[in-house]
Every structure is written in C-alpha cells, then in structure tokens.
Amino acid sequence: MISGMSKAELLFQSKHRFPDGAIMETKLWRVPQPVPGSQHSLKYRLYYGKDGSRLVGYDNERGKGDHRHIGTDEEPYRFVDIDTLLADFKRDILKARGEI
C-alpha cells in the first residue's frame, strides 16, 4: 500500500532484468481518490535504469501529477489509459536502449 492511501489496491507489478544488467520495474495501484495533480484513480511508478541511474521513468507523484523522466529531463505526461501508458513507457525504453 501507499502511505496515506489505506485502500490502495495493487493491480500489478513486475520486474525484469535485461542481459546487460538494466532493470525495468512497473507497479500500478487503483486508489480511492485521484492522486493530487491527476484526474484518474490510478497511482503508478514505472522505472527503467541501469547501474543505479534512472534512464526512463513514469509516475504520478503527489502534487506533480502525471509526468515522465527521460534521462535527467522531466516533462508532463498526458495519461490516456493503462495500455497507452505501458506502450509509451516501453517505446521510451527501446529508444533509451538504442533499439528504435
């Protein structure tokens, strides 16, 4: 559960280690009320990094709302639905890995 959200329901989580040591981790919760700054009832944290550095990240941190991190840059993210979120995250990972 997430602090301050006693009725958060974990919808899914996964962790994948790539052969080069990079890690992709996804966590998604349904929350009783939107996280401040977001307009939907989901809380998420998507991470891709290597050697302790975040290369790609998507989250909806309290007060910041939906946003993404590409390297050291942070920018707003327009949340549409879970499928789009995961597809956008995976596309950014492929870009970070030089695969597209």
PDB file of N, CA and C in Angstrom:
ATOM      1  N   MET A   1       0.831  -1.195   0.000  1.00  0.00           N
ATOM      2  CA  MET A   1       0.000   0.000   0.000  1.00  0.00           C
ATOM      3  C   MET A   1       0.869   1.250   0.000  1.00  0.00           C
ATOM      4  N   ILE A   2       0.301   2.323  -0.433  1.00  0.00           N
ATOM      5  CA  ILE A   2       0.999   3.591  -0.497  1.00  0.00           C
ATOM      6  C   ILE A   2       0.639   4.386   0.753  1.00  0.00           C
ATOM      7  N   SER A   3       1.612   5.020   1.336  1.00  0.00           N
ATOM      8  CA  SER A   3       1.379   5.821   2.536  1.00  0.00           C
ATOM      9  C   SER A   3       0.280   6.844   2.297  1.00  0.00           C
ATOM     10  N   GLY A   4      -0.670   6.927   3.222  1.00  0.00           N
ATOM     11  CA  GLY A   4      -1.753   7.890   3.099  1.00  0.00           C
ATOM     12  C   GLY A   4      -2.910   7.410   2.234  1.00  0.00           C
ATOM     13  N   MET A   5      -2.809   6.231   1.650  1.00  0.00           N
ATOM     14  CA  MET A   5      -3.866   5.686   0.799  1.00  0.00           C
ATOM     15  C   MET A   5      -4.186   4.287   1.291  1.00  0.00           C
ATOM     16  N   SER A   6      -4.874   4.203   2.412  1.00  0.00           N
ATOM     17  CA  SER A   6      -5.064   2.924   3.091  1.00  0.00           C
ATOM     18  C   SER A   6      -5.857   1.907   2.280  1.00  0.00           C
ATOM     19  N   LYS A   7      -6.580   2.339   1.261  1.00  0.00           N
ATOM     20  CA  LYS A   7      -7.368   1.390   0.482  1.00  0.00           C
ATOM     21  C   LYS A   7      -6.839   1.225  -0.935  1.00  0.00           C
ATOM     22  N   ALA A   8      -5.562   1.501  -1.125  1.00  0.00           N
ATOM     23  CA  ALA A   8      -4.973   1.295  -2.452  1.00  0.00           C
ATOM     24  C   ALA A   8      -4.939  -0.196  -2.746  1.00  0.00           C
ATOM     25  N   GLU A   9      -5.277  -0.539  -3.985  1.00  0.00           N
ATOM     26  CA  GLU A   9      -5.280  -1.937  -4.404  1.00  0.00           C
ATOM     27  C   GLU A   9      -4.212  -2.123  -5.478  1.00  0.00           C
ATOM     28  N   LEU A  10      -3.232  -2.969  -5.197  1.00  0.00           N
ATOM     29  CA  LEU A  10      -2.189  -3.242  -6.173  1.00  0.00           C
ATOM     30  C   LEU A  10      -2.803  -4.020  -7.332  1.00  0.00           C
ATOM     31  N   LEU A  11      -2.755  -3.450  -8.538  1.00  0.00           N
ATOM     32  CA  LEU A  11      -3.309  -4.108  -9.721  1.00  0.00           C
ATOM     33  C   LEU A  11      -2.284  -5.024 -10.367  1.00  0.00           C
ATOM     34  N   PHE A  12      -1.058  -4.555 -10.471  1.00  0.00           N
ATOM     35  CA  PHE A  12       0.017  -5.425 -10.941  1.00  0.00           C
ATOM     36  C   PHE A  12       1.371  -4.823 -10.646  1.00  0.00           C
ATOM     37  N   GLN A  13       2.338  -5.712 -10.634  1.00  0.00           N
ATOM     38  CA  GLN A  13       3.730  -5.287 -10.532  1.00  0.00           C
ATOM     39  C   GLN A  13       4.582  -6.314 -11.245  1.00  0.00           C
ATOM     40  N   SER A  14       5.658  -5.857 -11.829  1.00  0.00           N
ATOM     41  CA  SER A  14       6.579  -6.776 -12.489  1.00  0.00           C
ATOM     42  C   SER A  14       7.976  -6.186 -12.429  1.00  0.00           C
ATOM     43  N   LYS A  15       8.946  -7.067 -12.547  1.00  0.00           N
ATOM     44  CA  LYS A  15      10.343  -6.644 -12.574  1.00  0.00           C
ATOM     45  C   LYS A  15      11.063  -7.528 -13.580  1.00  0.00           C
ATOM     46  N   HIS A  16      11.824  -6.892 -14.451  1.00  0.00           N
ATOM     47  CA  HIS A  16      12.564  -7.622 -15.484  1.00  0.00           C
ATOM     48  C   HIS A  16      14.002  -7.126 -15.502  1.00  0.00           C
ATOM     49  N   ARG A  17      14.925  -8.048 -15.506  1.00  0.00           N
ATOM     50  CA  ARG A  17      16.346  -7.707 -15.626  1.00  0.00           C
ATOM     51  C   ARG A  17      16.806  -8.078 -17.034  1.00  0.00           C
ATOM     52  N   PHE A  18      17.362  -7.103 -17.729  1.00  0.00           N
ATOM     53  CA  PHE A  18      17.881  -7.319 -19.074  1.00  0.00           C
ATOM     54  C   PHE A  18      19.265  -7.971 -18.984  1.00  0.00           C
ATOM     55  N   PRO A  19      19.703  -8.649 -20.052  1.00  0.00           N
ATOM     56  CA  PRO A  19      21.019  -9.291 -20.041  1.00  0.00           C
ATOM     57  C   PRO A  19      22.177  -8.329 -19.730  1.00  0.00           C
ATOM     58  N   ASP A  20      22.016  -7.043 -20.066  1.00  0.00           N
ATOM     59  CA  ASP A  20      23.093  -6.071 -19.800  1.00  0.00           C
ATOM     60  C   ASP A  20      23.049  -5.510 -18.376  1.00  0.00           C
ATOM     61  N   GLY A  21      22.122  -6.015 -17.552  1.00  0.00           N
ATOM     62  CA  GLY A  21      22.022  -5.567 -16.166  1.00  0.00           C
ATOM     63  C   GLY A  21      20.999  -4.479 -15.919  1.00  0.00           C
ATOM     64  N   ALA A  22      20.438  -3.900 -16.977  1.00  0.00           N
ATOM     65  CA  ALA A  22      19.394  -2.883 -16.807  1.00  0.00           C
ATOM     66  C   ALA A  22      18.143  -3.526 -16.191  1.00  0.00           C
ATOM     67  N   ILE A  23      17.365  -2.714 -15.499  1.00  0.00           N
ATOM     68  CA  ILE A  23      16.165  -3.196 -14.811  1.00  0.00           C
ATOM     69  C   ILE A  23      14.954  -2.390 -15.261  1.00  0.00           C
ATOM     70  N   MET A  24      13.852  -3.093 -15.517  1.00  0.00           N
ATOM     71  CA  MET A  24      12.557  -2.465 -15.770  1.00  0.00           C
ATOM     72  C   MET A  24      11.617  -2.936 -14.668  1.00  0.00           C
ATOM     73  N   GLU A  25      10.996  -1.984 -13.980  1.00  0.00           N
ATOM     74  CA  GLU A  25      10.061  -2.326 -12.912  1.00  0.00           C
ATOM     75  C   GLU A  25       8.790  -1.507 -13.080  1.00  0.00           C
ATOM     76  N   THR A  26       7.648  -2.170 -12.985  1.00  0.00           N
ATOM     77  CA  THR A  26       6.360  -1.490 -13.100  1.00  0.00           C
ATOM     78  C   THR A  26       5.490  -1.833 -11.901  1.00  0.00           C
ATOM     79  N   LYS A  27       4.802  -0.815 -11.376  1.00  0.00           N
ATOM     80  CA  LYS A  27       3.832  -1.000 -10.292  1.00  0.00           C
ATOM     81  C   LYS A  27       2.651  -0.095 -10.581  1.00  0.00           C
ATOM     82  N   LEU A  28       1.459  -0.629 -10.400  1.00  0.00           N
ATOM     83  CA  LEU A  28       0.236   0.115 -10.673  1.00  0.00           C
ATOM     84  C   LEU A  28      -0.801  -0.222  -9.614  1.00  0.00           C
ATOM     85  N   TRP A  29      -1.362   0.814  -9.009  1.00  0.00           N
ATOM     86  CA  TRP A  29      -2.395   0.660  -7.984  1.00  0.00           C
ATOM     87  C   TRP A  29      -3.670   1.387  -8.401  1.00  0.00           C
ATOM     88  N   ARG A  30      -4.802   0.890  -7.935  1.00  0.00           N
ATOM     89  CA  ARG A  30      -6.052   1.636  -8.014  1.00  0.00           C
ATOM     90  C   ARG A  30      -6.218   2.304  -6.656  1.00  0.00           C
ATOM     91  N   VAL A  31      -6.494   3.592  -6.658  1.00  0.00           N
ATOM     92  CA  VAL A  31      -6.634   4.354  -5.415  1.00  0.00           C
ATOM     93  C   VAL A  31      -8.059   4.885  -5.288  1.00  0.00           C
ATOM     94  N   PRO A  32      -8.523   5.076  -4.046  1.00  0.00           N
ATOM     95  CA  PRO A  32      -9.909   5.519  -3.855  1.00  0.00           C
ATOM     96  C   PRO A  32     -10.191   6.921  -4.391  1.00  0.00           C
ATOM     97  N   GLN A  33      -9.176   7.769  -4.446  1.00  0.00           N
ATOM     98  CA  GLN A  33      -9.331   9.127  -4.973  1.00  0.00           C
ATOM     99  C   GLN A  33      -8.104   9.446  -5.822  1.00  0.00           C
ATOM    100  N   PRO A  34      -8.260  10.275  -6.848  1.00  0.00           N
ATOM    101  CA  PRO A  34      -7.103  10.621  -7.670  1.00  0.00           C
ATOM    102  C   PRO A  34      -5.961  11.201  -6.833  1.00  0.00           C
ATOM    103  N   VAL A  35      -4.746  10.866  -7.208  1.00  0.00           N
ATOM    104  CA  VAL A  35      -3.565  11.460  -6.604  1.00  0.00           C
ATOM    105  C   VAL A  35      -3.589  12.940  -6.965  1.00  0.00           C
ATOM    106  N   PRO A  36      -3.372  13.852  -6.011  1.00  0.00           N
ATOM    107  CA  PRO A  36      -3.391  15.283  -6.349  1.00  0.00           C
ATOM    108  C   PRO A  36      -2.515  15.589  -7.559  1.00  0.00           C
ATOM    109  N   GLY A  37      -3.116  16.247  -8.541  1.00  0.00           N
ATOM    110  CA  GLY A  37      -2.433  16.552  -9.793  1.00  0.00           C
ATOM    111  C   GLY A  37      -2.838  15.635 -10.935  1.00  0.00           C
ATOM    112  N   SER A  38      -3.521  14.529 -10.620  1.00  0.00           N
ATOM    113  CA  SER A  38      -4.002  13.586 -11.636  1.00  0.00           C
ATOM    114  C   SER A  38      -5.528  13.591 -11.645  1.00  0.00           C
ATOM    115  N   GLN A  39      -6.096  13.155 -12.763  1.00  0.00           N
ATOM    116  CA  GLN A  39      -7.550  13.145 -12.915  1.00  0.00           C
ATOM    117  C   GLN A  39      -8.138  11.739 -12.945  1.00  0.00           C
ATOM    118  N   HIS A  40      -7.357  10.725 -12.607  1.00  0.00           N
ATOM    119  CA  HIS A  40      -7.806   9.334 -12.688  1.00  0.00           C
ATOM    120  C   HIS A  40      -7.534   8.640 -11.356  1.00  0.00           C
ATOM    121  N   SER A  41      -8.072   7.454 -11.196  1.00  0.00           N
ATOM    122  CA  SER A  41      -7.975   6.740  -9.915  1.00  0.00           C
ATOM    123  C   SER A  41      -6.845   5.702  -9.909  1.00  0.00           C
ATOM    124  N   LEU A  42      -5.749   6.031 -10.585  1.00  0.00           N
ATOM    125  CA  LEU A  42      -4.601   5.127 -10.608  1.00  0.00           C
ATOM    126  C   LEU A  42      -3.369   5.823 -10.057  1.00  0.00           C
ATOM    127  N   LYS A  43      -2.529   5.055  -9.409  1.00  0.00           N
ATOM    128  CA  LYS A  43      -1.208   5.504  -8.970  1.00  0.00           C
ATOM    129  C   LYS A  43      -0.227   4.559  -9.623  1.00  0.00           C
ATOM    130  N   TYR A  44       0.831   5.080 -10.243  1.00  0.00           N
ATOM    131  CA  TYR A  44       1.772   4.206 -10.925  1.00  0.00           C
ATOM    132  C   TYR A  44       3.206   4.690 -10.749  1.00  0.00           C
ATOM    133  N   ARG A  45       4.107   3.728 -10.862  1.00  0.00           N
ATOM    134  CA  ARG A  45       5.539   4.007 -10.852  1.00  0.00           C
ATOM    135  C   ARG A  45       6.181   3.037 -11.826  1.00  0.00           C
ATOM    136  N   LEU A  46       6.709   3.565 -12.901  1.00  0.00           N
ATOM    137  CA  LEU A  46       7.363   2.769 -13.937  1.00  0.00           C
ATOM    138  C   LEU A  46       8.819   3.213 -13.994  1.00  0.00           C
ATOM    139  N   TYR A  47       9.726   2.270 -13.926  1.00  0.00           N
ATOM    140  CA  TYR A  47      11.149   2.585 -13.825  1.00  0.00           C
ATOM    141  C   TYR A  47      11.953   1.729 -14.790  1.00  0.00           C
ATOM    142  N   TYR A  48      12.907   2.362 -15.453  1.00  0.00           N
ATOM    143  CA  TYR A  48      13.904   1.648 -16.237  1.00  0.00           C
ATOM    144  C   TYR A  48      15.236   2.324 -15.947  1.00  0.00           C
ATOM    145  N   GLY A  49      16.201   1.532 -15.531  1.00  0.00           N
ATOM    146  CA  GLY A  49      17.500   2.111 -15.224  1.00  0.00           C
ATOM    147  C   GLY A  49      18.608   1.085 -15.276  1.00  0.00           C
ATOM    148  N   LYS A  50      19.811   1.607 -15.137  1.00  0.00           N
ATOM    149  CA  LYS A  50      20.995   0.742 -15.175  1.00  0.00           C
ATOM    150  C   LYS A  50      22.068   1.352 -14.287  1.00  0.00           C
ATOM    151  N   ASP A  51      22.754   0.487 -13.561  1.00  0.00           N
ATOM    152  CA  ASP A  51      23.849   0.910 -12.685  1.00  0.00           C
ATOM    153  C   ASP A  51      23.407   1.997 -11.704  1.00  0.00           C
ATOM    154  N   GLY A  52      22.176   1.886 -11.205  1.00  0.00           N
ATOM    155  CA  GLY A  52      21.659   2.824 -10.209  1.00  0.00           C
ATOM    156  C   GLY A  52      21.154   4.141 -10.754  1.00  0.00           C
ATOM    157  N   SER A  53      21.163   4.312 -12.064  1.00  0.00           N
ATOM    158  CA  SER A  53      20.677   5.557 -12.678  1.00  0.00           C
ATOM    159  C   SER A  53      19.360   5.321 -13.396  1.00  0.00           C
ATOM    160  N   ARG A  54      18.388   6.183 -13.141  1.00  0.00           N
ATOM    161  CA  ARG A  54      17.119   6.104 -13.863  1.00  0.00           C
ATOM    162  C   ARG A  54      17.329   6.683 -15.253  1.00  0.00           C
ATOM    163  N   LEU A  55      16.976   5.901 -16.256  1.00  0.00           N
ATOM    164  CA  LEU A  55      17.065   6.345 -17.642  1.00  0.00           C
ATOM    165  C   LEU A  55      15.705   6.754 -18.180  1.00  0.00           C
ATOM    166  N   VAL A  56      14.658   6.031 -17.747  1.00  0.00           N
ATOM    167  CA  VAL A  56      13.274   6.329 -18.127  1.00  0.00           C
ATOM    168  C   VAL A  56      12.410   6.090 -16.896  1.00  0.00           C
ATOM    169  N   GLY A  57      11.497   6.999 -16.628  1.00  0.00           N
ATOM    170  CA  GLY A  57      10.564   6.803 -15.531  1.00  0.00           C
ATOM    171  C   GLY A  57       9.257   7.514 -15.802  1.00  0.00           C
ATOM    172  N   TYR A  58       8.180   6.874 -15.403  1.00  0.00           N
ATOM    173  CA  TYR A  58       6.847   7.485 -15.489  1.00  0.00           C
ATOM    174  C   TYR A  58       6.229   7.341 -14.110  1.00  0.00           C
ATOM    175  N   ASP A  59       5.616   8.401 -13.618  1.00  0.00           N
ATOM    176  CA  ASP A  59       4.899   8.311 -12.346  1.00  0.00           C
ATOM    177  C   ASP A  59       3.931   9.470 -12.222  1.00  0.00           C
ATOM    178  N   ASN A  60       3.100   9.377 -11.202  1.00  0.00           N
ATOM    179  CA  ASN A  60       2.186  10.478 -10.915  1.00  0.00           C
ATOM    180  C   ASN A  60       2.322  10.827  -9.436  1.00  0.00           C
ATOM    181  N   GLU A  61       3.466  11.374  -9.140  1.00  0.00           N
ATOM    182  CA  GLU A  61       3.813  11.802  -7.795  1.00  0.00           C
ATOM    183  C   GLU A  61       2.796  12.827  -7.280  1.00  0.00           C
ATOM    184  N   ARG A  62       2.464  12.697  -6.024  1.00  0.00           N
ATOM    185  CA  ARG A  62       1.529  13.604  -5.358  1.00  0.00           C
ATOM    186  C   ARG A  62       1.954  15.056  -5.588  1.00  0.00           C
ATOM    187  N   GLY A  63       1.030  15.863  -6.101  1.00  0.00           N
ATOM    188  CA  GLY A  63       1.295  17.275  -6.338  1.00  0.00           C
ATOM    189  C   GLY A  63       1.860  17.581  -7.721  1.00  0.00           C
ATOM    190  N   LYS A  64       2.559  16.636  -8.325  1.00  0.00           N
ATOM    191  CA  LYS A  64       3.111  16.847  -9.664  1.00  0.00           C
ATOM    192  C   LYS A  64       2.203  16.301 -10.741  1.00  0.00           C
ATOM    193  N   GLY A  65       1.391  15.324 -10.399  1.00  0.00           N
ATOM    194  CA  GLY A  65       0.535  14.696 -11.388  1.00  0.00           C
ATOM    195  C   GLY A  65       1.326  13.806 -12.330  1.00  0.00           C
ATOM    196  N   ASP A  66       0.728  13.478 -13.444  1.00  0.00           N
ATOM    197  CA  ASP A  66       1.325  12.565 -14.413  1.00  0.00           C
ATOM    198  C   ASP A  66       2.521  13.234 -15.090  1.00  0.00           C
ATOM    199  N   HIS A  67       3.660  12.550 -15.065  1.00  0.00           N
ATOM    200  CA  HIS A  67       4.850  13.066 -15.734  1.00  0.00           C
ATOM    201  C   HIS A  67       5.811  11.925 -16.031  1.00  0.00           C
ATOM    202  N   ARG A  68       6.802  12.235 -16.843  1.00  0.00           N
ATOM    203  CA  ARG A  68       7.795  11.225 -17.178  1.00  0.00           C
ATOM    204  C   ARG A  68       9.195  11.828 -17.078  1.00  0.00           C
ATOM    205  N   HIS A  69      10.161  10.943 -16.903  1.00  0.00           N
ATOM    206  CA  HIS A  69      11.569  11.302 -16.819  1.00  0.00           C
ATOM    207  C   HIS A  69      12.286  10.590 -17.957  1.00  0.00           C
ATOM    208  N   ILE A  70      13.008  11.340 -18.745  1.00  0.00           N
ATOM    209  CA  ILE A  70      13.863  10.783 -19.789  1.00  0.00           C
ATOM    210  C   ILE A  70      15.256  11.308 -19.470  1.00  0.00           C
ATOM    211  N   GLY A  71      16.113  10.412 -18.999  1.00  0.00           N
ATOM    212  CA  GLY A  71      17.418  10.857 -18.509  1.00  0.00           C
ATOM    213  C   GLY A  71      17.209  11.811 -17.351  1.00  0.00           C
ATOM    214  N   THR A  72      17.806  12.985 -17.415  1.00  0.00           N
ATOM    215  CA  THR A  72      17.650  13.972 -16.341  1.00  0.00           C
ATOM    216  C   THR A  72      16.502  14.945 -16.601  1.00  0.00           C
ATOM    217  N   ASP A  73      15.847  14.817 -17.751  1.00  0.00           N
ATOM    218  CA  ASP A  73      14.728  15.711 -18.081  1.00  0.00           C
ATOM    219  C   ASP A  73      13.417  15.176 -17.504  1.00  0.00           C
ATOM    220  N   GLU A  74      12.563  16.088 -17.053  1.00  0.00           N
ATOM    221  CA  GLU A  74      11.231  15.743 -16.559  1.00  0.00           C
ATOM    222  C   GLU A  74      10.221  16.581 -17.328  1.00  0.00           C
ATOM    223  N   GLU A  75       9.114  15.937 -17.750  1.00  0.00           N
ATOM    224  CA  GLU A  75       8.094  16.659 -18.503  1.00  0.00           C
ATOM    225  C   GLU A  75       6.719  16.099 -18.180  1.00  0.00           C
ATOM    226  N   PRO A  76       5.683  16.914 -18.330  1.00  0.00           N
ATOM    227  CA  PRO A  76       4.324  16.415 -18.100  1.00  0.00           C
ATOM    228  C   PRO A  76       4.002  15.271 -19.053  1.00  0.00           C
ATOM    229  N   TYR A  77       3.132  14.390 -18.607  1.00  0.00           N
ATOM    230  CA  TYR A  77       2.683  13.266 -19.432  1.00  0.00           C
ATOM    231  C   TYR A  77       1.162  13.273 -19.441  1.00  0.00           C
ATOM    232  N   ARG A  78       0.572  13.134 -20.618  1.00  0.00           N
ATOM    233  CA  ARG A  78      -0.889  13.092 -20.728  1.00  0.00           C
ATOM    234  C   ARG A  78      -1.346  11.639 -20.612  1.00  0.00           C
ATOM    235  N   PHE A  79      -1.888  11.303 -19.454  1.00  0.00           N
ATOM    236  CA  PHE A  79      -2.375   9.954 -19.210  1.00  0.00           C
ATOM    237  C   PHE A  79      -3.677   9.734 -19.983  1.00  0.00           C
ATOM    238  N   VAL A  80      -3.735   8.652 -20.762  1.00  0.00           N
ATOM    239  CA  VAL A  80      -4.933   8.292 -21.522  1.00  0.00           C
ATOM    240  C   VAL A  80      -5.577   7.057 -20.893  1.00  0.00           C
ATOM    241  N   ASP A  81      -4.798   5.975 -20.817  1.00  0.00           N
ATOM    242  CA  ASP A  81      -5.259   4.732 -20.194  1.00  0.00           C
ATOM    243  C   ASP A  81      -4.030   3.864 -19.908  1.00  0.00           C
ATOM    244  N   ILE A  82      -4.241   2.748 -19.240  1.00  0.00           N
ATOM    245  CA  ILE A  82      -3.130   1.885 -18.838  1.00  0.00           C
ATOM    246  C   ILE A  82      -2.369   1.347 -20.046  1.00  0.00           C
ATOM    247  N   ASP A  83      -3.079   0.894 -21.057  1.00  0.00           N
ATOM    248  CA  ASP A  83      -2.416   0.324 -22.232  1.00  0.00           C
ATOM    249  C   ASP A  83      -1.502   1.334 -22.910  1.00  0.00           C
ATOM    250  N   THR A  84      -1.976   2.569 -23.048  1.00  0.00           N
ATOM    251  CA  THR A  84      -1.174   3.621 -23.670  1.00  0.00           C
ATOM    252  C   THR A  84       0.029   3.958 -22.798  1.00  0.00           C
ATOM    253  N   LEU A  85      -0.180   4.040 -21.499  1.00  0.00           N
ATOM    254  CA  LEU A  85       0.911   4.312 -20.563  1.00  0.00           C
ATOM    255  C   LEU A  85       2.029   3.276 -20.722  1.00  0.00           C
ATOM    256  N   LEU A  86       1.662   2.008 -20.705  1.00  0.00           N
ATOM    257  CA  LEU A  86       2.663   0.943 -20.813  1.00  0.00           C
ATOM    258  C   LEU A  86       3.334   0.936 -22.183  1.00  0.00           C
ATOM    259  N   ALA A  87       2.579   1.198 -23.234  1.00  0.00           N
ATOM    260  CA  ALA A  87       3.154   1.254 -24.586  1.00  0.00           C
ATOM    261  C   ALA A  87       4.137   2.415 -24.711  1.00  0.00           C
ATOM    262  N   ASP A  88       3.779   3.578 -24.165  1.00  0.00           N
ATOM    263  CA  ASP A  88       4.680   4.736 -24.213  1.00  0.00           C
ATOM    264  C   ASP A  88       5.955   4.465 -23.418  1.00  0.00           C
ATOM    265  N   PHE A  89       5.809   3.859 -22.255  1.00  0.00           N
ATOM    266  CA  PHE A  89       6.958   3.518 -21.413  1.00  0.00           C
ATOM    267  C   PHE A  89       7.892   2.550 -22.146  1.00  0.00           C
ATOM    268  N   LYS A  90       7.321   1.513 -22.716  1.00  0.00           N
ATOM    269  CA  LYS A  90       8.143   0.526 -23.427  1.00  0.00           C
ATOM    270  C   LYS A  90       8.821   1.138 -24.657  1.00  0.00           C
ATOM    271  N   ARG A  91       8.137   2.027 -25.355  1.00  0.00           N
ATOM    272  CA  ARG A  91       8.737   2.713 -26.507  1.00  0.00           C
ATOM    273  C   ARG A  91       9.939   3.540 -26.059  1.00  0.00           C
ATOM    274  N   ASP A  92       9.806   4.257 -24.936  1.00  0.00           N
ATOM    275  CA  ASP A  92      10.917   5.063 -24.432  1.00  0.00           C
ATOM    276  C   ASP A  92      12.094   4.199 -23.972  1.00  0.00           C
ATOM    277  N   ILE A  93      11.794   3.022 -23.453  1.00  0.00           N
ATOM    278  CA  ILE A  93      12.873   2.093 -23.089  1.00  0.00           C
ATOM    279  C   ILE A  93      13.621   1.650 -24.337  1.00  0.00           C
ATOM    280  N   LEU A  94      12.887   1.286 -25.385  1.00  0.00           N
ATOM    281  CA  LEU A  94      13.539   0.880 -26.634  1.00  0.00           C
ATOM    282  C   LEU A  94      14.415   1.993 -27.181  1.00  0.00           C
ATOM    283  N   LYS A  95      13.937   3.234 -27.096  1.00  0.00           N
ATOM    284  CA  LYS A  95      14.746   4.377 -27.546  1.00  0.00           C
ATOM    285  C   LYS A  95      16.004   4.495 -26.691  1.00  0.00           C
ATOM    286  N   ALA A  96      15.851   4.385 -25.366  1.00  0.00           N
ATOM    287  CA  ALA A  96      16.998   4.504 -24.453  1.00  0.00           C
ATOM    288  C   ALA A  96      18.022   3.396 -24.710  1.00  0.00           C
ATOM    289  N   ARG A  97      17.550   2.250 -25.130  1.00  0.00           N
ATOM    290  CA  ARG A  97      18.431   1.105 -25.403  1.00  0.00           C
ATOM    291  C   ARG A  97      19.009   1.162 -26.822  1.00  0.00           C
ATOM    292  N   GLY A  98      18.575   2.155 -27.622  1.00  0.00           N
ATOM    293  CA  GLY A  98      19.072   2.287 -28.989  1.00  0.00           C
ATOM    294  C   GLY A  98      18.480   1.242 -29.933  1.00  0.00           C
ATOM    295  N   GLU A  99      17.310   0.705 -29.563  1.00  0.00           N
ATOM    296  CA  GLU A  99      16.692  -0.353 -30.378  1.00  0.00           C
ATOM    297  C   GLU A  99      15.687   0.196 -31.377  1.00  0.00           C
ATOM    298  N   ILE A 100      15.329   1.461 -31.254  1.00  0.00           N
ATOM    299  CA  ILE A 100      14.477   2.115 -32.274  1.00  0.00           C
ATOM    300  C   ILE A 100      14.990   3.535 -32.487  1.00  0.00           C
TER     301      ILE A 100
END
